[in-house]
Every structure is written in structure tokens, then in C-alpha cells.
N, C-alpha and C. Protein backbone atom coordinates (compact mmCIF):
# COMPACT_ATOMS: atom_id res chain seq x y z
N UNK A 1 -41.74 -26.93 1.59
CA UNK A 1 -42.48 -28.06 2.11
C UNK A 1 -42.90 -27.77 3.54
N UNK A 2 -44.17 -27.97 3.82
CA UNK A 2 -44.69 -27.77 5.17
C UNK A 2 -44.63 -29.10 5.90
N UNK A 3 -44.08 -29.09 7.09
CA UNK A 3 -44.03 -30.29 7.91
C UNK A 3 -45.30 -30.32 8.75
N UNK A 4 -46.17 -31.29 8.49
CA UNK A 4 -47.49 -31.29 9.13
C UNK A 4 -47.42 -31.38 10.64
N UNK A 5 -46.42 -32.07 11.18
CA UNK A 5 -46.36 -32.15 12.64
C UNK A 5 -46.04 -30.79 13.25
N UNK A 6 -45.30 -29.96 12.53
CA UNK A 6 -45.00 -28.61 13.02
C UNK A 6 -46.26 -27.75 12.94
N UNK A 7 -46.99 -27.88 11.85
CA UNK A 7 -48.28 -27.17 11.71
C UNK A 7 -49.19 -27.51 12.88
N UNK A 8 -49.32 -28.81 13.14
CA UNK A 8 -50.21 -29.27 14.20
C UNK A 8 -49.75 -28.81 15.57
N UNK A 9 -48.45 -28.85 15.81
CA UNK A 9 -47.89 -28.44 17.09
C UNK A 9 -48.14 -26.95 17.34
N UNK A 10 -47.92 -26.12 16.32
CA UNK A 10 -48.13 -24.68 16.45
C UNK A 10 -49.61 -24.37 16.69
N UNK A 11 -50.47 -25.00 15.92
CA UNK A 11 -51.91 -24.77 16.05
C UNK A 11 -52.41 -25.21 17.44
N UNK A 12 -51.98 -26.39 17.87
CA UNK A 12 -52.39 -26.91 19.18
C UNK A 12 -51.92 -25.97 20.30
N UNK A 13 -50.70 -25.48 20.18
CA UNK A 13 -50.15 -24.57 21.19
C UNK A 13 -50.99 -23.30 21.28
N UNK A 14 -51.29 -22.69 20.15
CA UNK A 14 -52.09 -21.46 20.15
C UNK A 14 -53.47 -21.69 20.76
N UNK A 15 -54.07 -22.82 20.48
CA UNK A 15 -55.38 -23.12 21.05
C UNK A 15 -55.29 -23.35 22.55
N UNK A 16 -54.24 -24.05 22.99
CA UNK A 16 -54.07 -24.33 24.41
C UNK A 16 -53.91 -23.07 25.24
N UNK A 17 -53.22 -22.08 24.71
CA UNK A 17 -52.98 -20.84 25.45
C UNK A 17 -53.99 -19.74 25.06
N UNK A 18 -55.00 -20.13 24.32
CA UNK A 18 -56.11 -19.25 23.91
C UNK A 18 -55.64 -18.02 23.14
N UNK A 19 -54.74 -18.24 22.19
CA UNK A 19 -54.26 -17.17 21.33
C UNK A 19 -54.43 -17.52 19.84
N UNK A 20 -55.38 -18.40 19.54
CA UNK A 20 -55.57 -18.82 18.16
C UNK A 20 -56.37 -17.76 17.41
N UNK A 21 -55.66 -16.68 17.03
CA UNK A 21 -56.27 -15.59 16.28
C UNK A 21 -55.19 -14.87 15.50
N UNK A 22 -55.57 -14.25 14.42
CA UNK A 22 -54.62 -13.53 13.58
C UNK A 22 -54.04 -12.34 14.32
N UNK A 23 -52.72 -12.19 14.24
CA UNK A 23 -52.07 -11.02 14.80
C UNK A 23 -51.93 -11.01 16.32
N UNK A 24 -52.00 -12.18 16.95
CA UNK A 24 -51.89 -12.25 18.41
C UNK A 24 -50.55 -11.66 18.87
N UNK A 25 -50.47 -11.33 20.15
CA UNK A 25 -49.25 -10.76 20.73
C UNK A 25 -48.26 -11.87 21.04
N UNK A 26 -47.15 -11.89 20.32
CA UNK A 26 -46.15 -12.95 20.46
C UNK A 26 -45.50 -12.93 21.84
N UNK A 27 -45.36 -11.75 22.43
CA UNK A 27 -44.77 -11.67 23.77
C UNK A 27 -45.71 -12.25 24.82
N UNK A 28 -47.00 -12.13 24.61
CA UNK A 28 -47.97 -12.76 25.51
C UNK A 28 -47.84 -14.27 25.44
N UNK A 29 -47.66 -14.80 24.24
CA UNK A 29 -47.45 -16.24 24.10
C UNK A 29 -46.21 -16.68 24.87
N UNK A 30 -45.12 -15.98 24.67
CA UNK A 30 -43.88 -16.33 25.37
C UNK A 30 -44.09 -16.30 26.89
N UNK A 31 -44.77 -15.28 27.36
CA UNK A 31 -45.03 -15.16 28.80
C UNK A 31 -45.85 -16.34 29.31
N UNK A 32 -46.85 -16.75 28.54
CA UNK A 32 -47.70 -17.89 28.94
C UNK A 32 -46.92 -19.20 28.94
N UNK A 33 -45.82 -19.23 28.17
CA UNK A 33 -44.96 -20.42 28.14
C UNK A 33 -43.81 -20.31 29.15
N UNK A 34 -43.83 -19.24 29.96
CA UNK A 34 -42.76 -18.97 30.94
C UNK A 34 -41.39 -18.82 30.29
N UNK A 35 -41.39 -18.16 29.14
CA UNK A 35 -40.15 -17.86 28.42
C UNK A 35 -39.91 -16.35 28.56
N UNK A 36 -38.76 -15.98 29.07
CA UNK A 36 -38.41 -14.57 29.21
C UNK A 36 -37.98 -14.03 27.84
N UNK A 37 -38.46 -12.84 27.49
CA UNK A 37 -38.13 -12.21 26.22
C UNK A 37 -37.55 -10.83 26.49
N UNK A 38 -36.37 -10.57 25.95
CA UNK A 38 -35.72 -9.28 26.16
C UNK A 38 -35.15 -8.74 24.86
N UNK A 39 -35.35 -7.45 24.65
CA UNK A 39 -34.73 -6.77 23.52
C UNK A 39 -33.35 -6.29 23.90
N UNK A 40 -32.41 -6.43 22.99
CA UNK A 40 -31.02 -6.04 23.27
C UNK A 40 -30.41 -5.40 22.04
N UNK A 41 -29.37 -4.63 22.29
CA UNK A 41 -28.55 -4.15 21.17
C UNK A 41 -27.68 -5.33 20.76
N UNK A 42 -27.76 -5.69 19.49
CA UNK A 42 -27.00 -6.82 18.97
C UNK A 42 -26.29 -6.40 17.70
N UNK A 43 -25.31 -7.16 17.33
CA UNK A 43 -24.64 -6.96 16.06
C UNK A 43 -25.70 -7.03 14.96
N UNK A 44 -25.54 -6.24 13.93
CA UNK A 44 -26.56 -6.17 12.87
C UNK A 44 -26.80 -7.50 12.17
N UNK A 45 -25.86 -8.43 12.26
CA UNK A 45 -26.07 -9.72 11.59
C UNK A 45 -26.64 -10.78 12.54
N UNK A 46 -27.13 -10.36 13.72
CA UNK A 46 -27.78 -11.29 14.64
C UNK A 46 -29.21 -10.81 14.86
N UNK A 47 -30.17 -11.67 14.58
CA UNK A 47 -31.59 -11.33 14.77
C UNK A 47 -32.09 -11.73 16.14
N UNK A 48 -31.61 -12.88 16.62
CA UNK A 48 -32.12 -13.36 17.89
C UNK A 48 -31.24 -14.42 18.48
N UNK A 49 -31.56 -14.75 19.72
CA UNK A 49 -30.78 -15.71 20.47
C UNK A 49 -31.71 -16.43 21.43
N UNK A 50 -31.60 -17.74 21.50
CA UNK A 50 -32.36 -18.54 22.45
C UNK A 50 -31.38 -19.30 23.33
N UNK A 51 -31.58 -19.21 24.64
CA UNK A 51 -30.71 -19.90 25.58
C UNK A 51 -31.55 -20.56 26.67
N UNK A 52 -31.22 -21.82 26.97
CA UNK A 52 -31.79 -22.51 28.14
C UNK A 52 -30.72 -22.43 29.21
N UNK A 53 -30.98 -21.67 30.26
CA UNK A 53 -30.01 -21.50 31.33
C UNK A 53 -30.65 -21.98 32.63
N UNK A 54 -30.09 -23.01 33.23
CA UNK A 54 -30.66 -23.59 34.46
C UNK A 54 -32.16 -23.83 34.30
N UNK A 55 -32.52 -24.32 33.13
CA UNK A 55 -33.91 -24.64 32.79
C UNK A 55 -34.81 -23.42 32.64
N UNK A 56 -34.24 -22.22 32.64
CA UNK A 56 -35.00 -21.00 32.40
C UNK A 56 -34.79 -20.57 30.95
N UNK A 57 -35.82 -20.67 30.12
CA UNK A 57 -35.65 -20.28 28.72
C UNK A 57 -35.66 -18.76 28.56
N UNK A 58 -34.71 -18.25 27.79
CA UNK A 58 -34.60 -16.82 27.53
C UNK A 58 -34.43 -16.59 26.03
N UNK A 59 -35.25 -15.70 25.49
CA UNK A 59 -35.13 -15.27 24.10
C UNK A 59 -34.70 -13.81 24.11
N UNK A 60 -33.62 -13.53 23.40
CA UNK A 60 -33.19 -12.15 23.19
C UNK A 60 -33.38 -11.85 21.72
N UNK A 61 -33.81 -10.63 21.43
CA UNK A 61 -33.98 -10.23 20.04
C UNK A 61 -33.28 -8.90 19.80
N UNK A 62 -32.93 -8.66 18.56
CA UNK A 62 -32.25 -7.44 18.15
C UNK A 62 -33.28 -6.31 18.11
N UNK A 63 -33.22 -5.42 19.10
CA UNK A 63 -34.24 -4.38 19.23
C UNK A 63 -34.17 -3.31 18.14
N UNK A 64 -33.12 -3.34 17.31
CA UNK A 64 -33.02 -2.34 16.25
C UNK A 64 -33.77 -2.76 14.99
N UNK A 65 -34.30 -3.97 14.97
CA UNK A 65 -35.02 -4.45 13.79
C UNK A 65 -36.49 -4.00 13.84
N UNK A 66 -37.18 -4.14 12.72
CA UNK A 66 -38.58 -3.72 12.62
C UNK A 66 -39.46 -4.59 13.51
N UNK A 67 -40.62 -4.07 13.87
CA UNK A 67 -41.56 -4.82 14.72
C UNK A 67 -41.94 -6.17 14.10
N UNK A 68 -42.15 -6.19 12.79
CA UNK A 68 -42.53 -7.44 12.12
C UNK A 68 -41.38 -8.44 12.16
N UNK A 69 -40.16 -7.95 11.98
CA UNK A 69 -38.99 -8.84 12.04
C UNK A 69 -38.80 -9.36 13.46
N UNK A 70 -38.98 -8.50 14.44
CA UNK A 70 -38.86 -8.92 15.85
C UNK A 70 -39.90 -9.99 16.16
N UNK A 71 -41.11 -9.79 15.69
CA UNK A 71 -42.19 -10.75 15.93
C UNK A 71 -41.83 -12.12 15.34
N UNK A 72 -41.31 -12.11 14.11
CA UNK A 72 -40.92 -13.37 13.48
C UNK A 72 -39.73 -14.00 14.22
N UNK A 73 -38.79 -13.18 14.64
CA UNK A 73 -37.62 -13.69 15.37
C UNK A 73 -38.05 -14.36 16.67
N UNK A 74 -38.94 -13.73 17.42
CA UNK A 74 -39.41 -14.34 18.67
C UNK A 74 -40.12 -15.66 18.39
N UNK A 75 -40.96 -15.68 17.34
CA UNK A 75 -41.65 -16.92 16.96
C UNK A 75 -40.65 -18.00 16.56
N UNK A 76 -39.62 -17.61 15.82
CA UNK A 76 -38.57 -18.54 15.39
C UNK A 76 -37.85 -19.11 16.61
N UNK A 77 -37.49 -18.25 17.55
CA UNK A 77 -36.79 -18.71 18.76
C UNK A 77 -37.70 -19.59 19.61
N UNK A 78 -38.99 -19.28 19.65
CA UNK A 78 -39.94 -20.17 20.34
C UNK A 78 -39.96 -21.54 19.65
N UNK A 79 -39.77 -21.54 18.33
CA UNK A 79 -39.66 -22.81 17.61
C UNK A 79 -38.49 -23.63 18.12
N UNK A 80 -37.35 -22.99 18.31
CA UNK A 80 -36.19 -23.71 18.88
C UNK A 80 -36.53 -24.23 20.28
N UNK A 81 -37.21 -23.41 21.07
CA UNK A 81 -37.58 -23.83 22.43
C UNK A 81 -38.50 -25.05 22.39
N UNK A 82 -39.55 -24.98 21.61
CA UNK A 82 -40.55 -26.06 21.54
C UNK A 82 -39.97 -27.31 20.88
N UNK A 83 -39.23 -27.13 19.80
CA UNK A 83 -38.79 -28.27 18.98
C UNK A 83 -37.41 -28.82 19.34
N UNK A 84 -36.50 -27.97 19.83
CA UNK A 84 -35.10 -28.38 19.90
C UNK A 84 -34.41 -28.20 21.25
N UNK A 85 -35.03 -27.57 22.22
CA UNK A 85 -34.30 -27.20 23.44
C UNK A 85 -33.81 -28.39 24.26
N UNK A 86 -34.43 -29.54 24.10
CA UNK A 86 -33.96 -30.72 24.83
C UNK A 86 -32.63 -31.24 24.24
N UNK A 87 -32.40 -30.94 22.94
CA UNK A 87 -31.19 -31.43 22.27
C UNK A 87 -30.04 -30.44 22.37
N UNK A 88 -30.36 -29.16 22.42
CA UNK A 88 -29.32 -28.13 22.33
C UNK A 88 -29.76 -26.93 23.15
N UNK A 89 -28.90 -26.41 24.03
CA UNK A 89 -29.33 -25.33 24.92
C UNK A 89 -29.18 -23.91 24.38
N UNK A 90 -28.54 -23.73 23.22
CA UNK A 90 -28.33 -22.37 22.72
C UNK A 90 -28.43 -22.31 21.20
N UNK A 91 -29.09 -21.27 20.71
CA UNK A 91 -29.19 -21.02 19.28
C UNK A 91 -28.94 -19.54 19.05
N UNK A 92 -28.06 -19.21 18.13
CA UNK A 92 -27.83 -17.83 17.72
C UNK A 92 -28.26 -17.74 16.27
N UNK A 93 -29.24 -16.89 16.00
CA UNK A 93 -29.79 -16.82 14.65
C UNK A 93 -29.37 -15.55 13.94
N UNK A 94 -28.74 -15.77 12.81
CA UNK A 94 -28.28 -14.68 11.96
C UNK A 94 -29.10 -14.70 10.68
N UNK A 95 -29.49 -13.52 10.20
CA UNK A 95 -30.25 -13.51 8.94
C UNK A 95 -29.41 -14.11 7.81
N UNK A 96 -30.03 -14.95 7.03
CA UNK A 96 -29.31 -15.58 5.91
C UNK A 96 -29.16 -14.56 4.79
N UNK A 97 -27.95 -14.26 4.44
CA UNK A 97 -27.71 -13.35 3.33
C UNK A 97 -27.65 -14.14 2.03
N UNK A 98 -26.97 -15.28 2.08
CA UNK A 98 -26.87 -16.16 0.93
C UNK A 98 -26.97 -17.58 1.46
N UNK A 99 -27.85 -18.35 0.88
CA UNK A 99 -27.97 -19.74 1.31
C UNK A 99 -27.04 -20.58 0.44
N UNK A 100 -26.17 -21.33 1.07
CA UNK A 100 -25.29 -22.20 0.32
C UNK A 100 -24.96 -23.41 1.18
N UNK A 101 -24.57 -24.46 0.53
CA UNK A 101 -24.22 -25.68 1.24
C UNK A 101 -22.76 -25.58 1.66
N UNK A 102 -22.49 -25.86 2.91
CA UNK A 102 -21.11 -25.83 3.38
C UNK A 102 -20.93 -26.93 4.41
N UNK A 103 -19.83 -26.89 5.14
CA UNK A 103 -19.52 -27.94 6.10
C UNK A 103 -20.60 -28.05 7.18
N UNK A 104 -21.24 -26.94 7.52
CA UNK A 104 -22.28 -26.97 8.55
C UNK A 104 -23.59 -27.56 8.05
N UNK A 105 -23.74 -27.71 6.75
CA UNK A 105 -25.00 -28.22 6.20
C UNK A 105 -25.30 -29.64 6.65
N UNK A 106 -24.27 -30.41 6.94
CA UNK A 106 -24.50 -31.81 7.32
C UNK A 106 -24.62 -32.00 8.82
N UNK A 107 -24.52 -30.92 9.60
CA UNK A 107 -24.58 -31.05 11.06
C UNK A 107 -26.00 -31.13 11.58
N UNK A 108 -26.97 -30.85 10.76
CA UNK A 108 -28.35 -30.82 11.22
C UNK A 108 -28.79 -29.43 11.61
N UNK A 109 -27.87 -28.49 11.69
CA UNK A 109 -28.23 -27.12 12.07
C UNK A 109 -29.16 -26.50 11.03
N UNK A 110 -28.87 -26.70 9.75
CA UNK A 110 -29.71 -26.14 8.71
C UNK A 110 -31.13 -26.71 8.82
N UNK A 111 -31.23 -28.00 9.11
CA UNK A 111 -32.54 -28.63 9.28
C UNK A 111 -33.29 -28.00 10.46
N UNK A 112 -32.60 -27.75 11.56
CA UNK A 112 -33.24 -27.14 12.74
C UNK A 112 -33.68 -25.71 12.43
N UNK A 113 -32.90 -25.00 11.65
CA UNK A 113 -33.28 -23.63 11.28
C UNK A 113 -34.54 -23.64 10.40
N UNK A 114 -34.59 -24.58 9.49
CA UNK A 114 -35.79 -24.71 8.63
C UNK A 114 -37.01 -25.07 9.47
N UNK A 115 -36.84 -25.97 10.42
CA UNK A 115 -37.95 -26.33 11.30
C UNK A 115 -38.41 -25.13 12.13
N UNK A 116 -37.46 -24.36 12.65
CA UNK A 116 -37.82 -23.18 13.45
C UNK A 116 -38.54 -22.15 12.59
N UNK A 117 -38.10 -21.99 11.34
CA UNK A 117 -38.79 -21.08 10.42
C UNK A 117 -40.20 -21.58 10.11
N UNK A 118 -40.33 -22.87 9.87
CA UNK A 118 -41.66 -23.45 9.59
C UNK A 118 -42.57 -23.28 10.81
N UNK A 119 -42.02 -23.47 12.00
CA UNK A 119 -42.80 -23.29 13.22
C UNK A 119 -43.25 -21.84 13.35
N UNK A 120 -42.34 -20.90 13.12
CA UNK A 120 -42.68 -19.48 13.22
C UNK A 120 -43.77 -19.12 12.22
N UNK A 121 -43.65 -19.59 10.99
CA UNK A 121 -44.66 -19.31 9.97
C UNK A 121 -46.01 -19.92 10.35
N UNK A 122 -45.98 -21.15 10.85
CA UNK A 122 -47.22 -21.83 11.26
C UNK A 122 -47.86 -21.14 12.46
N UNK A 123 -47.03 -20.63 13.33
CA UNK A 123 -47.51 -19.97 14.54
C UNK A 123 -48.12 -18.61 14.21
N UNK A 124 -47.41 -17.81 13.43
CA UNK A 124 -47.86 -16.46 13.12
C UNK A 124 -48.93 -16.41 12.04
N UNK A 125 -48.95 -17.44 11.17
CA UNK A 125 -49.90 -17.48 10.05
C UNK A 125 -50.52 -18.87 9.97
N UNK A 126 -51.33 -19.23 10.97
CA UNK A 126 -51.91 -20.58 10.99
C UNK A 126 -52.73 -20.87 9.72
N UNK A 127 -52.52 -22.05 9.20
CA UNK A 127 -53.17 -22.49 7.96
C UNK A 127 -54.68 -22.28 8.01
N UNK A 128 -55.33 -22.68 9.09
CA UNK A 128 -56.79 -22.57 9.18
C UNK A 128 -57.26 -21.12 9.22
N UNK A 129 -56.50 -20.27 9.89
CA UNK A 129 -56.88 -18.85 9.95
C UNK A 129 -56.67 -18.17 8.60
N UNK A 130 -55.63 -18.56 7.90
CA UNK A 130 -55.42 -18.01 6.55
C UNK A 130 -56.56 -18.45 5.64
N UNK A 131 -56.93 -19.71 5.75
CA UNK A 131 -58.03 -20.23 4.92
C UNK A 131 -59.31 -19.42 5.16
N UNK A 132 -59.58 -19.08 6.41
CA UNK A 132 -60.77 -18.27 6.73
C UNK A 132 -60.62 -16.83 6.25
N UNK A 133 -59.48 -16.24 6.48
CA UNK A 133 -59.28 -14.82 6.18
C UNK A 133 -59.12 -14.55 4.70
N UNK A 134 -58.67 -15.51 3.95
CA UNK A 134 -58.45 -15.29 2.51
C UNK A 134 -59.78 -14.97 1.81
N UNK A 135 -60.88 -15.40 2.40
CA UNK A 135 -62.21 -15.09 1.85
C UNK A 135 -62.50 -13.60 1.90
N UNK A 136 -61.88 -12.90 2.86
CA UNK A 136 -62.09 -11.46 3.02
C UNK A 136 -61.07 -10.62 2.27
N UNK A 137 -60.11 -11.28 1.63
CA UNK A 137 -59.02 -10.57 0.96
C UNK A 137 -59.49 -10.03 -0.39
N UNK A 138 -58.89 -8.94 -0.84
CA UNK A 138 -59.20 -8.41 -2.18
C UNK A 138 -58.84 -9.43 -3.27
N UNK A 139 -59.39 -9.22 -4.45
CA UNK A 139 -59.20 -10.17 -5.54
C UNK A 139 -57.78 -10.17 -6.12
N UNK A 140 -57.14 -9.03 -6.21
CA UNK A 140 -55.81 -9.02 -6.81
C UNK A 140 -54.80 -9.62 -5.84
N UNK A 141 -53.84 -10.37 -6.36
CA UNK A 141 -52.83 -11.03 -5.54
C UNK A 141 -52.06 -10.05 -4.67
N UNK A 142 -51.65 -8.94 -5.28
CA UNK A 142 -50.87 -7.94 -4.56
C UNK A 142 -51.65 -7.38 -3.37
N UNK A 143 -52.90 -7.02 -3.62
CA UNK A 143 -53.75 -6.47 -2.56
C UNK A 143 -54.08 -7.53 -1.51
N UNK A 144 -54.26 -8.75 -1.94
CA UNK A 144 -54.56 -9.84 -1.01
C UNK A 144 -53.39 -10.08 -0.06
N UNK A 145 -52.18 -10.09 -0.61
CA UNK A 145 -50.99 -10.30 0.22
C UNK A 145 -50.84 -9.16 1.22
N UNK A 146 -51.04 -7.94 0.75
CA UNK A 146 -50.95 -6.78 1.65
C UNK A 146 -51.99 -6.88 2.76
N UNK A 147 -53.23 -7.23 2.41
CA UNK A 147 -54.32 -7.37 3.38
C UNK A 147 -53.99 -8.45 4.41
N UNK A 148 -53.56 -9.62 3.95
CA UNK A 148 -53.26 -10.73 4.86
C UNK A 148 -52.05 -10.42 5.74
N UNK A 149 -51.02 -9.81 5.17
CA UNK A 149 -49.83 -9.46 5.95
C UNK A 149 -50.20 -8.50 7.08
N UNK A 150 -51.03 -7.54 6.77
CA UNK A 150 -51.46 -6.57 7.79
C UNK A 150 -52.29 -7.27 8.87
N UNK A 151 -53.20 -8.11 8.47
CA UNK A 151 -54.07 -8.82 9.41
C UNK A 151 -53.26 -9.72 10.36
N UNK A 152 -52.26 -10.40 9.82
CA UNK A 152 -51.46 -11.35 10.61
C UNK A 152 -50.20 -10.70 11.22
N UNK A 153 -49.99 -9.40 10.93
CA UNK A 153 -48.85 -8.64 11.47
C UNK A 153 -47.50 -9.26 11.10
N UNK A 154 -47.37 -9.56 9.82
CA UNK A 154 -46.12 -10.11 9.27
C UNK A 154 -45.75 -9.29 8.04
N UNK A 155 -44.55 -9.50 7.55
CA UNK A 155 -44.13 -8.80 6.33
C UNK A 155 -44.85 -9.41 5.13
N UNK A 156 -44.92 -8.64 4.08
CA UNK A 156 -45.52 -9.15 2.84
C UNK A 156 -44.69 -10.31 2.29
N UNK A 157 -43.38 -10.23 2.46
CA UNK A 157 -42.51 -11.31 2.01
C UNK A 157 -42.83 -12.61 2.76
N UNK A 158 -42.98 -12.52 4.09
CA UNK A 158 -43.31 -13.71 4.89
C UNK A 158 -44.66 -14.28 4.46
N UNK A 159 -45.63 -13.41 4.22
CA UNK A 159 -46.96 -13.88 3.81
C UNK A 159 -46.89 -14.52 2.42
N UNK A 160 -46.11 -13.95 1.53
CA UNK A 160 -45.97 -14.51 0.19
C UNK A 160 -45.40 -15.93 0.26
N UNK A 161 -44.34 -16.12 1.05
CA UNK A 161 -43.76 -17.44 1.22
C UNK A 161 -44.76 -18.41 1.84
N UNK A 162 -45.48 -17.93 2.84
CA UNK A 162 -46.43 -18.80 3.53
C UNK A 162 -47.54 -19.26 2.58
N UNK A 163 -48.08 -18.34 1.83
CA UNK A 163 -49.15 -18.70 0.88
C UNK A 163 -48.63 -19.69 -0.16
N UNK A 164 -47.43 -19.47 -0.66
CA UNK A 164 -46.84 -20.39 -1.63
C UNK A 164 -46.65 -21.77 -1.00
N UNK A 165 -46.15 -21.81 0.24
CA UNK A 165 -45.94 -23.09 0.91
C UNK A 165 -47.24 -23.83 1.21
N UNK A 166 -48.33 -23.06 1.35
CA UNK A 166 -49.64 -23.68 1.59
C UNK A 166 -50.33 -24.06 0.28
N UNK A 167 -49.72 -23.72 -0.85
CA UNK A 167 -50.26 -24.13 -2.14
C UNK A 167 -51.20 -23.13 -2.78
N UNK A 168 -51.27 -21.91 -2.24
CA UNK A 168 -52.10 -20.89 -2.87
C UNK A 168 -51.36 -20.31 -4.06
N UNK A 169 -52.07 -20.06 -5.14
CA UNK A 169 -51.46 -19.45 -6.32
C UNK A 169 -51.46 -17.94 -6.12
N UNK A 170 -50.26 -17.38 -6.20
CA UNK A 170 -50.15 -15.94 -5.97
C UNK A 170 -49.49 -15.24 -7.15
């Protein structure tokens, strides 16, 4: 399910900072938002970290991950900054190996993670830009996903999820 207010917030942000284009530089966006971004050696089960320290936002990412994963991680952490930083000053994001309901499911953390993922997807793959670019994509689903993923600088898996969430038949 796409949360329309997150879609609108991501799109408005990209337009405001003049980065509303496929494959924009995520670090440039962070810089324009005065968010420091640093790559670090991290445990393999940590993708990124967002911290508000004395009102200075800092995103750290696991520098051993692929460029596409790093890009999504930074976008996800920017989601926490834009959507949640007033409520909570720190987020540590670990890749989900298995999704299951547990005691933490009722704390709202899972909801915040879903919102940050939706924000990252909306930011990196804006609905309107996908709608325009899909016209240039090859006819076969597989080739279209590969074309769009390359254009938007995301993984094919991320593009597949995004297209499904936007209601495209793939």
C-alpha cells in the first residue's frame, strides 16, 4: 500500500531542491538538506544509522554494501529524518531477514520502518517519473524492469516492488 502523503512529501521535496529526475545523486539531496552522510565499516547485519545529535542530522551507511543498496539506505534514513526525527532521535536499520510479528510489532517501530521504506521508494522512484519513463521501456516485463532499474539507479527487486505497489502489472 502506498501512503499518498509520503508520495507527495517525497515528490515535493525533490522539486524544492531541484532534483526531480531519475537517478539523481542521493548524497547531493542529503547535502542540500544539511544532513551529513558518512560511510562506515558496520556489522554485516546493519545497513544504516540515523542520529539527530544536537540538532545535527547524521546518516551513516554500511560502506561494504553495493552502491544501489547504499543509495536505498540513505534514502530510507532520510525518510526517518523527514518523517520521524521529531519523535525519535536515533534509528538503527538492519536488513530484514525474516519478517515476523513479535513484541516489537506493537511499538510502532515496524510502522516507522514501513514509512521510511515507502519514502525511500517514492524518493528514488517517483510515481510521475516512472509513469513517463515506462513509455520508453521495452515491451517484455523482464526487460522493462531492468531498463527502469538502471534508469532510476535501483535494484531490479526494488523496481519490481515499486511497480507492483503502483499497480503496474509485471
